[in-house]
Amino acid sequence: MLPKGAFLKIIDNSGARLGQIIWTRFGTAGAGNVVKVAIKEAKGGKVTKGQMKKAVVVETKYPTRRPNG
């Protein structure tokens, strides 16, 4: 689970490279959750450093446990 303040690698074609979570709905975010991200690093594209965007968490480093095992 990713807490508020966690840094993320951004994997899309917007030009953003690194983002930091500034808002999550339930305090932490896992795969499939929508979060608000502040762009910390960008390289020529649709976004610039300092912008806030919504993002979807696609994968995390550690696996998540399913409730049914």
PDB file of N, CA and C in Angstrom:
ATOM      1  N   MET A   1       0.833  -1.181   0.000  1.00  0.00           N
ATOM      2  CA  MET A   1       0.000   0.000   0.000  1.00  0.00           C
ATOM      3  C   MET A   1       0.884   1.253   0.000  1.00  0.00           C
ATOM      4  N   LEU A   2       0.436   2.250  -0.705  1.00  0.00           N
ATOM      5  CA  LEU A   2       1.201   3.491  -0.855  1.00  0.00           C
ATOM      6  C   LEU A   2       0.577   4.603  -0.006  1.00  0.00           C
ATOM      7  N   PRO A   3       1.327   5.175   0.921  1.00  0.00           N
ATOM      8  CA  PRO A   3       0.791   6.248   1.757  1.00  0.00           C
ATOM      9  C   PRO A   3       0.901   7.609   1.064  1.00  0.00           C
ATOM     10  N   LYS A   4       0.253   8.589   1.654  1.00  0.00           N
ATOM     11  CA  LYS A   4       0.382   9.972   1.186  1.00  0.00           C
ATOM     12  C   LYS A   4       1.844  10.387   1.313  1.00  0.00           C
ATOM     13  N   GLY A   5       2.391  11.020   0.280  1.00  0.00           N
ATOM     14  CA  GLY A   5       3.787  11.443   0.283  1.00  0.00           C
ATOM     15  C   GLY A   5       4.708  10.491  -0.457  1.00  0.00           C
ATOM     16  N   ALA A   6       4.222   9.330  -0.873  1.00  0.00           N
ATOM     17  CA  ALA A   6       5.056   8.357  -1.582  1.00  0.00           C
ATOM     18  C   ALA A   6       5.366   8.864  -2.994  1.00  0.00           C
ATOM     19  N   PHE A   7       6.571   8.545  -3.486  1.00  0.00           N
ATOM     20  CA  PHE A   7       6.975   8.913  -4.836  1.00  0.00           C
ATOM     21  C   PHE A   7       6.661   7.771  -5.787  1.00  0.00           C
ATOM     22  N   LEU A   8       6.239   8.121  -7.007  1.00  0.00           N
ATOM     23  CA  LEU A   8       5.834   7.132  -8.005  1.00  0.00           C
ATOM     24  C   LEU A   8       6.579   7.345  -9.310  1.00  0.00           C
ATOM     25  N   LYS A   9       6.916   6.251  -9.990  1.00  0.00           N
ATOM     26  CA  LYS A   9       7.361   6.345 -11.377  1.00  0.00           C
ATOM     27  C   LYS A   9       6.098   6.430 -12.223  1.00  0.00           C
ATOM     28  N   ILE A  10       6.096   7.355 -13.166  1.00  0.00           N
ATOM     29  CA  ILE A  10       4.919   7.537 -14.007  1.00  0.00           C
ATOM     30  C   ILE A  10       5.186   6.884 -15.355  1.00  0.00           C
ATOM     31  N   ILE A  11       4.255   6.013 -15.772  1.00  0.00           N
ATOM     32  CA  ILE A  11       4.448   5.238 -16.998  1.00  0.00           C
ATOM     33  C   ILE A  11       3.318   5.539 -17.991  1.00  0.00           C
ATOM     34  N   ASP A  12       3.401   6.675 -18.633  1.00  0.00           N
ATOM     35  CA  ASP A  12       2.467   7.003 -19.706  1.00  0.00           C
ATOM     36  C   ASP A  12       3.180   7.914 -20.698  1.00  0.00           C
ATOM     37  N   ASN A  13       2.448   8.424 -21.670  1.00  0.00           N
ATOM     38  CA  ASN A  13       3.082   9.228 -22.707  1.00  0.00           C
ATOM     39  C   ASN A  13       2.902  10.732 -22.486  1.00  0.00           C
ATOM     40  N   SER A  14       2.696  11.172 -21.237  1.00  0.00           N
ATOM     41  CA  SER A  14       2.486  12.589 -20.959  1.00  0.00           C
ATOM     42  C   SER A  14       3.796  13.357 -20.834  1.00  0.00           C
ATOM     43  N   GLY A  15       4.905  12.663 -20.632  1.00  0.00           N
ATOM     44  CA  GLY A  15       6.187  13.322 -20.448  1.00  0.00           C
ATOM     45  C   GLY A  15       6.605  13.384 -18.995  1.00  0.00           C
ATOM     46  N   ALA A  16       5.703  13.071 -18.074  1.00  0.00           N
ATOM     47  CA  ALA A  16       6.033  13.069 -16.648  1.00  0.00           C
ATOM     48  C   ALA A  16       6.872  11.840 -16.325  1.00  0.00           C
ATOM     49  N   ARG A  17       7.835  11.998 -15.421  1.00  0.00           N
ATOM     50  CA  ARG A  17       8.714  10.895 -15.034  1.00  0.00           C
ATOM     51  C   ARG A  17       8.531  10.484 -13.572  1.00  0.00           C
ATOM     52  N   LEU A  18       8.312  11.471 -12.685  1.00  0.00           N
ATOM     53  CA  LEU A  18       8.228  11.205 -11.253  1.00  0.00           C
ATOM     54  C   LEU A  18       7.096  12.025 -10.660  1.00  0.00           C
ATOM     55  N   GLY A  19       6.328  11.416  -9.765  1.00  0.00           N
ATOM     56  CA  GLY A  19       5.234  12.113  -9.102  1.00  0.00           C
ATOM     57  C   GLY A  19       5.187  11.763  -7.631  1.00  0.00           C
ATOM     58  N   GLN A  20       4.525  12.604  -6.854  1.00  0.00           N
ATOM     59  CA  GLN A  20       4.367  12.367  -5.424  1.00  0.00           C
ATOM     60  C   GLN A  20       2.880  12.405  -5.089  1.00  0.00           C
ATOM     61  N   ILE A  21       2.427  11.401  -4.333  1.00  0.00           N
ATOM     62  CA  ILE A  21       1.012  11.336  -3.956  1.00  0.00           C
ATOM     63  C   ILE A  21       0.710  12.461  -2.971  1.00  0.00           C
ATOM     64  N   ILE A  22      -0.327  13.262  -3.285  1.00  0.00           N
ATOM     65  CA  ILE A  22      -0.721  14.328  -2.371  1.00  0.00           C
ATOM     66  C   ILE A  22      -2.119  14.094  -1.808  1.00  0.00           C
ATOM     67  N   TRP A  23      -2.874  13.151  -2.370  1.00  0.00           N
ATOM     68  CA  TRP A  23      -4.209  12.842  -1.864  1.00  0.00           C
ATOM     69  C   TRP A  23      -4.583  11.421  -2.217  1.00  0.00           C
ATOM     70  N   THR A  24      -5.126  10.703  -1.228  1.00  0.00           N
ATOM     71  CA  THR A  24      -5.717   9.387  -1.467  1.00  0.00           C
ATOM     72  C   THR A  24      -7.056   9.361  -0.751  1.00  0.00           C
ATOM     73  N   ARG A  25      -7.957   8.577  -1.234  1.00  0.00           N
ATOM     74  CA  ARG A  25      -9.298   8.560  -0.658  1.00  0.00           C
ATOM     75  C   ARG A  25      -9.336   7.922   0.723  1.00  0.00           C
ATOM     76  N   PHE A  26      -8.592   6.842   0.926  1.00  0.00           N
ATOM     77  CA  PHE A  26      -8.675   6.101   2.180  1.00  0.00           C
ATOM     78  C   PHE A  26      -7.388   6.127   2.990  1.00  0.00           C
ATOM     79  N   GLY A  27      -6.493   7.063   2.754  1.00  0.00           N
ATOM     80  CA  GLY A  27      -5.255   7.150   3.508  1.00  0.00           C
ATOM     81  C   GLY A  27      -4.093   6.441   2.829  1.00  0.00           C
ATOM     82  N   THR A  28      -4.342   5.261   2.281  1.00  0.00           N
ATOM     83  CA  THR A  28      -3.323   4.553   1.509  1.00  0.00           C
ATOM     84  C   THR A  28      -3.945   4.101   0.199  1.00  0.00           C
ATOM     85  N   ALA A  29      -3.111   3.847  -0.788  1.00  0.00           N
ATOM     86  CA  ALA A  29      -3.604   3.463  -2.099  1.00  0.00           C
ATOM     87  C   ALA A  29      -2.936   2.171  -2.549  1.00  0.00           C
ATOM     88  N   GLY A  30      -3.695   1.313  -3.180  1.00  0.00           N
ATOM     89  CA  GLY A  30      -3.164   0.086  -3.752  1.00  0.00           C
ATOM     90  C   GLY A  30      -3.453   0.062  -5.237  1.00  0.00           C
ATOM     91  N   ALA A  31      -3.207  -1.058  -5.870  1.00  0.00           N
ATOM     92  CA  ALA A  31      -3.433  -1.187  -7.307  1.00  0.00           C
ATOM     93  C   ALA A  31      -4.906  -0.938  -7.629  1.00  0.00           C
ATOM     94  N   GLY A  32      -5.152  -0.092  -8.631  1.00  0.00           N
ATOM     95  CA  GLY A  32      -6.506   0.210  -9.061  1.00  0.00           C
ATOM     96  C   GLY A  32      -7.097   1.453  -8.434  1.00  0.00           C
ATOM     97  N   ASN A  33      -6.456   2.029  -7.426  1.00  0.00           N
ATOM     98  CA  ASN A  33      -6.983   3.224  -6.772  1.00  0.00           C
ATOM     99  C   ASN A  33      -6.582   4.489  -7.518  1.00  0.00           C
ATOM    100  N   VAL A  34      -7.469   5.484  -7.485  1.00  0.00           N
ATOM    101  CA  VAL A  34      -7.194   6.790  -8.084  1.00  0.00           C
ATOM    102  C   VAL A  34      -6.592   7.686  -7.013  1.00  0.00           C
ATOM    103  N   VAL A  35      -5.500   8.363  -7.343  1.00  0.00           N
ATOM    104  CA  VAL A  35      -4.816   9.263  -6.418  1.00  0.00           C
ATOM    105  C   VAL A  35      -4.564  10.593  -7.112  1.00  0.00           C
ATOM    106  N   LYS A  36      -4.312  11.632  -6.338  1.00  0.00           N
ATOM    107  CA  LYS A  36      -3.911  12.919  -6.904  1.00  0.00           C
ATOM    108  C   LYS A  36      -2.405  13.023  -6.731  1.00  0.00           C
ATOM    109  N   VAL A  37      -1.714  13.411  -7.807  1.00  0.00           N
ATOM    110  CA  VAL A  37      -0.258  13.389  -7.850  1.00  0.00           C
ATOM    111  C   VAL A  37       0.269  14.767  -8.216  1.00  0.00           C
ATOM    112  N   ALA A  38       1.348  15.182  -7.535  1.00  0.00           N
ATOM    113  CA  ALA A  38       2.081  16.388  -7.912  1.00  0.00           C
ATOM    114  C   ALA A  38       3.257  15.948  -8.775  1.00  0.00           C
ATOM    115  N   ILE A  39       3.385  16.515  -9.960  1.00  0.00           N
ATOM    116  CA  ILE A  39       4.463  16.149 -10.868  1.00  0.00           C
ATOM    117  C   ILE A  39       5.771  16.765 -10.359  1.00  0.00           C
ATOM    118  N   LYS A  40       6.763  15.928 -10.082  1.00  0.00           N
ATOM    119  CA  LYS A  40       8.039  16.390  -9.546  1.00  0.00           C
ATOM    120  C   LYS A  40       9.124  16.459 -10.618  1.00  0.00           C
ATOM    121  N   GLU A  41       8.991  15.662 -11.673  1.00  0.00           N
ATOM    122  CA  GLU A  41       9.991  15.626 -12.739  1.00  0.00           C
ATOM    123  C   GLU A  41       9.259  15.377 -14.051  1.00  0.00           C
ATOM    124  N   ALA A  42       9.538  16.187 -15.060  1.00  0.00           N
ATOM    125  CA  ALA A  42       8.913  16.011 -16.368  1.00  0.00           C
ATOM    126  C   ALA A  42       9.925  16.353 -17.447  1.00  0.00           C
ATOM    127  N   LYS A  43       9.783  15.694 -18.584  1.00  0.00           N
ATOM    128  CA  LYS A  43      10.710  15.917 -19.689  1.00  0.00           C
ATOM    129  C   LYS A  43       9.908  16.139 -20.965  1.00  0.00           C
ATOM    130  N   GLY A  44       9.690  17.390 -21.309  1.00  0.00           N
ATOM    131  CA  GLY A  44       9.050  17.786 -22.560  1.00  0.00           C
ATOM    132  C   GLY A  44       7.841  16.976 -22.960  1.00  0.00           C
ATOM    133  N   GLY A  45       6.685  17.455 -22.649  1.00  0.00           N
ATOM    134  CA  GLY A  45       5.465  16.754 -23.016  1.00  0.00           C
ATOM    135  C   GLY A  45       4.249  17.587 -22.676  1.00  0.00           C
ATOM    136  N   LYS A  46       3.165  16.914 -22.333  1.00  0.00           N
ATOM    137  CA  LYS A  46       1.908  17.588 -22.049  1.00  0.00           C
ATOM    138  C   LYS A  46       1.865  18.190 -20.655  1.00  0.00           C
ATOM    139  N   VAL A  47       2.701  17.725 -19.751  1.00  0.00           N
ATOM    140  CA  VAL A  47       2.689  18.223 -18.377  1.00  0.00           C
ATOM    141  C   VAL A  47       4.020  18.886 -18.033  1.00  0.00           C
ATOM    142  N   THR A  48       3.984  19.734 -17.013  1.00  0.00           N
ATOM    143  CA  THR A  48       5.200  20.387 -16.542  1.00  0.00           C
ATOM    144  C   THR A  48       5.361  20.149 -15.050  1.00  0.00           C
ATOM    145  N   LYS A  49       6.553  20.357 -14.560  1.00  0.00           N
ATOM    146  CA  LYS A  49       6.852  20.191 -13.147  1.00  0.00           C
ATOM    147  C   LYS A  49       5.970  21.135 -12.330  1.00  0.00           C
ATOM    148  N   GLY A  50       5.384  20.625 -11.257  1.00  0.00           N
ATOM    149  CA  GLY A  50       4.550  21.436 -10.383  1.00  0.00           C
ATOM    150  C   GLY A  50       3.059  21.280 -10.606  1.00  0.00           C
ATOM    151  N   GLN A  51       2.646  20.671 -11.709  1.00  0.00           N
ATOM    152  CA  GLN A  51       1.225  20.476 -11.954  1.00  0.00           C
ATOM    153  C   GLN A  51       0.671  19.367 -11.071  1.00  0.00           C
ATOM    154  N   MET A  52      -0.646  19.423 -10.825  1.00  0.00           N
ATOM    155  CA  MET A  52      -1.333  18.365 -10.101  1.00  0.00           C
ATOM    156  C   MET A  52      -2.231  17.627 -11.079  1.00  0.00           C
ATOM    157  N   LYS A  53      -2.187  16.311 -11.060  1.00  0.00           N
ATOM    158  CA  LYS A  53      -2.986  15.492 -11.952  1.00  0.00           C
ATOM    159  C   LYS A  53      -3.545  14.296 -11.197  1.00  0.00           C
ATOM    160  N   LYS A  54      -4.603  13.718 -11.725  1.00  0.00           N
ATOM    161  CA  LYS A  54      -5.114  12.462 -11.179  1.00  0.00           C
ATOM    162  C   LYS A  54      -4.368  11.314 -11.840  1.00  0.00           C
ATOM    163  N   ALA A  55      -4.169  10.239 -11.094  1.00  0.00           N
ATOM    164  CA  ALA A  55      -3.459   9.077 -11.618  1.00  0.00           C
ATOM    165  C   ALA A  55      -4.080   7.812 -11.050  1.00  0.00           C
ATOM    166  N   VAL A  56      -3.886   6.709 -11.753  1.00  0.00           N
ATOM    167  CA  VAL A  56      -4.336   5.399 -11.289  1.00  0.00           C
ATOM    168  C   VAL A  56      -3.105   4.573 -10.966  1.00  0.00           C
ATOM    169  N   VAL A  57      -3.105   3.945  -9.795  1.00  0.00           N
ATOM    170  CA  VAL A  57      -1.998   3.075  -9.399  1.00  0.00           C
ATOM    171  C   VAL A  57      -2.141   1.772 -10.181  1.00  0.00           C
ATOM    172  N   VAL A  58      -1.110   1.426 -10.955  1.00  0.00           N
ATOM    173  CA  VAL A  58      -1.172   0.253 -11.821  1.00  0.00           C
ATOM    174  C   VAL A  58      -0.561  -0.965 -11.152  1.00  0.00           C
ATOM    175  N   GLU A  59       0.609  -0.797 -10.537  1.00  0.00           N
ATOM    176  CA  GLU A  59       1.234  -1.913  -9.848  1.00  0.00           C
ATOM    177  C   GLU A  59       2.071  -1.393  -8.694  1.00  0.00           C
ATOM    178  N   THR A  60       2.332  -2.272  -7.729  1.00  0.00           N
ATOM    179  CA  THR A  60       3.159  -1.920  -6.582  1.00  0.00           C
ATOM    180  C   THR A  60       4.302  -2.917  -6.483  1.00  0.00           C
ATOM    181  N   LYS A  61       5.315  -2.566  -5.718  1.00  0.00           N
ATOM    182  CA  LYS A  61       6.491  -3.417  -5.592  1.00  0.00           C
ATOM    183  C   LYS A  61       6.151  -4.741  -4.913  1.00  0.00           C
ATOM    184  N   TYR A  62       5.341  -4.677  -3.852  1.00  0.00           N
ATOM    185  CA  TYR A  62       4.994  -5.868  -3.102  1.00  0.00           C
ATOM    186  C   TYR A  62       3.624  -6.360  -3.490  1.00  0.00           C
ATOM    187  N   PRO A  63       3.410  -7.673  -3.531  1.00  0.00           N
ATOM    188  CA  PRO A  63       2.093  -8.204  -3.907  1.00  0.00           C
ATOM    189  C   PRO A  63       1.051  -7.906  -2.824  1.00  0.00           C
ATOM    190  N   THR A  64      -0.197  -7.841  -3.220  1.00  0.00           N
ATOM    191  CA  THR A  64      -1.283  -7.630  -2.278  1.00  0.00           C
ATOM    192  C   THR A  64      -1.981  -8.961  -2.035  1.00  0.00           C
ATOM    193  N   ARG A  65      -2.483  -9.153  -0.839  1.00  0.00           N
ATOM    194  CA  ARG A  65      -3.164 -10.399  -0.503  1.00  0.00           C
ATOM    195  C   ARG A  65      -4.635 -10.269  -0.841  1.00  0.00           C
ATOM    196  N   ARG A  66      -5.178 -11.304  -1.423  1.00  0.00           N
ATOM    197  CA  ARG A  66      -6.607 -11.319  -1.744  1.00  0.00           C
ATOM    198  C   ARG A  66      -7.403 -11.756  -0.525  1.00  0.00           C
ATOM    199  N   PRO A  67      -8.602 -11.200  -0.330  1.00  0.00           N
ATOM    200  CA  PRO A  67      -9.372 -11.562   0.859  1.00  0.00           C
ATOM    201  C   PRO A  67      -9.809 -13.035   0.882  1.00  0.00           C
ATOM    202  N   ASN A  68      -9.929 -13.665  -0.297  1.00  0.00           N
ATOM    203  CA  ASN A  68     -10.380 -15.057  -0.334  1.00  0.00           C
ATOM    204  C   ASN A  68      -9.202 -16.039  -0.385  1.00  0.00           C
ATOM    205  N   GLY A  69      -7.979 -15.524  -0.228  1.00  0.00           N
ATOM    206  CA  GLY A  69      -6.819 -16.403  -0.180  1.00  0.00           C
ATOM    207  C   GLY A  69      -6.253 -16.704  -1.530  1.00  0.00           C
TER     208      GLY A  69
END
